[in-house]
Amino acid sequence: MEIGPLLGSGRTADVYALDGTWVLRRYRDGIDTTGELAVMSYLAASGFPVPRIGPPADDALPTDLVVQRLTGPTLAEALLAGTVTEDEGADLLVRLLHELHAIPARLSQDPEDRVLHLDLHPENVILSPEGARVIGWLTAREGPPALDRAMTSLILAQVSLDPAVTAGARLRGLLAALLTRFAADGGVPADALARATALRAEDPRLTAHEATALDEAAGLVASLPGGGPAHFRR
């Protein structure tokens, strides 16, 4: 397959068309896709809704990953368009996390550990005609499910506090709905929120505002029902 036109660019990668079935995701900064490919292959074999993995492109690089070409809006786009409500979005995110955390860890010997996405937010959920598909597995690791719940909540809080985001109030509504549902699973414990905040602070791809707003975002999560102690501090 020959590499076609650029379809889009994110913080870490560029996506190119290959044909009607496959796209090439090429990471910048020398990021190797070996680990991500292994996680996605394991999850696909376990029945989790990840994009199908395709054959390597011609002259493939270690930074390349060929995956299914998905159609449909992201969950973020559907929320902004009003075709999905905050409650429906929260239900979907909770369902996806439940399905993910039902799968045993691939490597860890700790029976409590699971595969964690650690970047599961509305822009990483594609509402394809075949159903929701989860993308963006670069950050995946293994650990306690509470850490995944904490990270999803923290990311939503960060984005909702960004003055450049016009849908901040709607995202805070989504966050509140999500935390209410997380309460049934143990909520977002303070130690998980602290660990998620520390991990997020280490991300070199955060914008200046995102880095500055980390403590405020963690405080917002902690202040809502299901988010843990109301006076969390990192």
Foldseek 3Di string as FASTA:
>chain_A
DDWAAWDDDDLFWTWTDDDQWKIKTFGPPPDFCVVVVVVVVVVVVVVQFAFAWDDADVPHDRRITMTTDFDAAFQVVCCVVVVAALLRVLVVLVVNLVSQLVAADPDDPPRQKTKAQLPDERRQWGQGPVGIHGDDRSPIDMDHSLLNLLSHQLVLLLLLPDPVDPCSVRSLSSSLSNLVVCVVVVFRELVSNVVSLVVVCPDPSDDPSSNVCRQVSLLSQCCHRSSYPNDRGD
